C-alpha cells in the first residue's frame, strides 16, 4: 500500500502543466513507469491523482458492483466521468486536461496535498478556503471518525 506524505504549493502554466514538487516526485518514482489516473473528486472541487496500482485496486472493487442495478450503474458512470490516464514526463511535469482544469477552478497557484494513497490537486484559494472552513469542526470530526472506544480484549 502506498502512503504519500506532504502538502506543497506549485504553479501551473497557461497550458495546464505543472512541475511535480521534488519531494512528491521522489515518492512517486517507483510508480512513474505505470502512469497515473486523474479524476474529479467526489466531495470537493479538486482533482485526485491515483497511481495506476491504486486505481486498479479501486477498479477491482467497482467491478464487483452489479451493473444491472441502476444505482450502481449511475454511480460508476459519475465516478469515472472525466477520468484521464496521465503520465509524468522525464522533467517531472504533468499536464492537466482542460476539462479537469475547469472542473477544479484551477488558476495559476496550486496546492498538491497527499491524501494517504493519492494526491489531491487544488486551486490554492479553494484549498485554503476548505481548510479554513473545516478547522472549527476538525476536533469533533476527528473524535467521530477516529475516537472509537478503547477495546479491551481478554485472551
Protein backbone atom coordinates (compact mmCIF):
# COMPACT_ATOMS: atom_id res chain seq x y z
CA UNK A 1 0.00 0.00 0.00
CA UNK A 2 1.17 3.49 -0.84
CA UNK A 3 1.42 6.15 1.86
CA UNK A 4 2.19 9.55 0.34
CA UNK A 5 3.24 12.41 2.61
CA UNK A 6 3.22 16.17 2.14
CA UNK A 7 1.46 19.32 1.03
CA UNK A 8 3.20 21.53 -1.50
CA UNK A 9 2.46 24.66 -3.47
CA UNK A 10 3.33 24.97 -7.15
CA UNK A 11 2.27 26.84 -10.28
CA UNK A 12 0.52 25.79 -13.46
CA UNK A 13 1.34 27.36 -16.79
CA UNK A 14 -1.23 28.59 -19.32
CA UNK A 15 -1.48 25.09 -20.86
CA UNK A 16 -2.27 23.44 -17.50
CA UNK A 17 1.18 21.93 -16.98
CA UNK A 18 2.68 21.77 -13.53
CA UNK A 19 6.01 20.64 -12.19
CA UNK A 20 5.58 17.93 -9.56
CA UNK A 21 7.42 19.09 -6.41
CA UNK A 22 10.69 17.18 -5.92
CA UNK A 23 9.55 15.61 -2.62
CA UNK A 24 6.47 14.11 -4.30
CA UNK A 25 8.41 13.09 -7.39
CA UNK A 26 10.83 11.15 -5.19
CA UNK A 27 7.90 9.33 -3.51
CA UNK A 28 6.25 8.63 -6.89
CA UNK A 29 9.45 7.41 -8.56
CA UNK A 30 8.61 3.67 -8.25
CA UNK A 31 5.23 4.35 -9.89
CA UNK A 32 6.30 6.59 -12.80
CA UNK A 33 6.55 3.80 -15.37
CA UNK A 34 2.98 2.59 -14.70
CA UNK A 35 1.38 6.02 -15.04
CA UNK A 36 -1.45 7.67 -13.16
CA UNK A 37 -5.16 8.35 -13.34
CA UNK A 38 -6.50 11.86 -12.83
CA UNK A 39 -10.16 12.36 -11.93
CA UNK A 40 -12.67 14.70 -10.38
CA UNK A 41 -13.05 14.37 -6.63
CA UNK A 42 -16.41 13.17 -5.33
CA UNK A 43 -16.91 15.57 -2.41
CA UNK A 44 -14.84 18.65 -3.34
CA UNK A 45 -13.95 20.68 -6.41
CA UNK A 46 -10.42 19.34 -6.63
CA UNK A 47 -8.71 16.63 -8.64
CA UNK A 48 -7.38 13.29 -7.46
CA UNK A 49 -4.19 11.78 -8.85
CA UNK A 50 -4.10 8.00 -8.41
CA UNK A 51 -1.01 5.92 -9.02
CA UNK A 52 -2.12 3.23 -11.50
CA UNK A 53 -1.68 0.46 -8.90
CA UNK A 54 -4.08 2.24 -6.52
CA UNK A 55 -6.55 2.92 -9.34
CA UNK A 56 -6.52 -0.76 -10.30
CA UNK A 57 -7.30 -1.78 -6.69
CA UNK A 58 -10.24 0.62 -6.68
CA UNK A 59 -11.48 -0.69 -10.02
CA UNK A 60 -11.40 -4.26 -8.67
CA UNK A 61 -13.91 -3.13 -6.03
CA UNK A 62 -16.01 -1.33 -8.66
CA UNK A 63 -16.09 -4.44 -10.85
CA UNK A 64 -17.84 -6.30 -8.05
CA UNK A 65 -20.84 -3.98 -8.27
CA UNK A 66 -23.89 -5.43 -10.01
CA UNK A 67 -24.22 -3.36 -13.21
CA UNK A 68 -27.86 -4.45 -13.54
CA UNK A 69 -28.77 -2.22 -10.60
CA UNK A 70 -29.40 1.29 -11.88
CA UNK A 71 -27.94 2.92 -8.77
CA UNK A 72 -24.65 1.06 -9.25
CA UNK A 73 -24.51 1.86 -12.95
CA UNK A 74 -25.23 5.55 -12.30
CA UNK A 75 -22.54 5.65 -9.61
CA UNK A 76 -19.91 4.07 -11.87
CA UNK A 77 -20.74 6.48 -14.70
CA UNK A 78 -20.50 9.54 -12.47
CA UNK A 79 -17.41 8.32 -10.61
CA UNK A 80 -15.49 7.71 -13.83
CA UNK A 81 -16.70 10.84 -15.65
CA UNK A 82 -13.73 12.80 -16.96
CA UNK A 83 -11.17 10.18 -15.89
CA UNK A 84 -7.86 10.53 -17.74
CA UNK A 85 -4.69 8.43 -17.89
CA UNK A 86 -1.79 10.76 -17.15
CA UNK A 87 1.96 10.43 -17.40
CA UNK A 88 4.59 12.48 -15.66
CA UNK A 89 7.26 13.36 -18.22
CA UNK A 90 11.03 12.98 -17.75
CA UNK A 91 11.33 16.51 -16.37
CA UNK A 92 8.61 15.86 -13.75
CA UNK A 93 5.80 17.75 -15.47
CA UNK A 94 2.17 16.71 -15.51
CA UNK A 95 -0.43 18.07 -17.95
CA UNK A 96 -3.91 18.62 -16.54
CA UNK A 97 -6.52 18.35 -19.31
CA UNK A 98 -8.63 21.47 -19.91
CA UNK A 99 -11.94 19.92 -18.76
CA UNK A 100 -10.39 18.97 -15.41
CA UNK A 101 -8.76 22.41 -15.06
CA UNK A 102 -12.23 23.90 -15.50
CA UNK A 103 -13.89 21.47 -13.05
CA UNK A 104 -11.38 22.25 -10.29
CA UNK A 105 -11.32 26.00 -10.98
CA UNK A 106 -7.56 25.84 -11.30
CA UNK A 107 -5.81 29.11 -11.98
CA UNK A 108 -2.06 29.57 -11.66
CA UNK A 109 -1.40 28.85 -7.98
CA UNK A 110 -1.92 25.21 -6.92
CA UNK A 111 -1.68 23.05 -3.84
CA UNK A 112 -0.79 19.37 -4.11
CA UNK A 113 -1.80 17.58 -0.95
CA UNK A 114 -1.33 13.94 -0.02
CA UNK A 115 -4.44 12.02 0.97
CA UNK A 116 -2.93 8.70 2.08
CA UNK A 117 -2.59 6.85 -1.26
CA UNK A 118 -3.49 9.65 -3.70
CA UNK A 119 -2.60 13.29 -4.30
CA UNK A 120 -5.28 15.96 -4.35
CA UNK A 121 -4.69 18.85 -6.74
CA UNK A 122 -6.37 22.09 -5.68
CA UNK A 123 -6.59 25.68 -6.79
CA UNK A 124 -4.71 27.37 -3.92
CA UNK A 125 -7.53 29.76 -2.95
CA UNK A 126 -10.10 26.94 -2.87
CA UNK A 127 -7.78 24.73 -0.81
CA UNK A 128 -7.22 27.44 1.79
CA UNK A 129 -10.97 28.12 1.99
CA UNK A 130 -11.80 24.43 2.53
CA UNK A 131 -9.08 24.06 5.18
CA UNK A 132 -10.32 27.20 6.98
CA UNK A 133 -13.96 26.06 6.75
CA UNK A 134 -13.31 22.70 8.39
CA UNK A 135 -10.83 23.97 11.00
CA UNK A 136 -13.61 24.72 13.50
CA UNK A 137 -15.16 21.27 13.14
CA UNK A 138 -11.95 19.25 12.94
CA UNK A 139 -11.76 18.25 16.61
CA UNK A 140 -15.33 16.94 16.52
CA UNK A 141 -14.73 15.21 13.19
CA UNK A 142 -11.51 13.58 14.46
CA UNK A 143 -13.30 12.26 17.54
CA UNK A 144 -16.20 10.91 15.49
CA UNK A 145 -14.06 9.23 12.84
CA UNK A 146 -11.06 8.07 14.86
CA UNK A 147 -12.14 8.22 18.52
CA UNK A 148 -13.58 4.76 18.83
CA UNK A 149 -13.76 3.37 22.34
CA UNK A 150 -10.77 1.51 23.59
CA UNK A 151 -11.42 -2.16 23.23
CA UNK A 152 -10.29 -4.46 25.96
CA UNK A 153 -9.58 -7.97 24.82
CA UNK A 154 -9.07 -10.87 27.14
CA UNK A 155 -7.07 -13.74 25.75
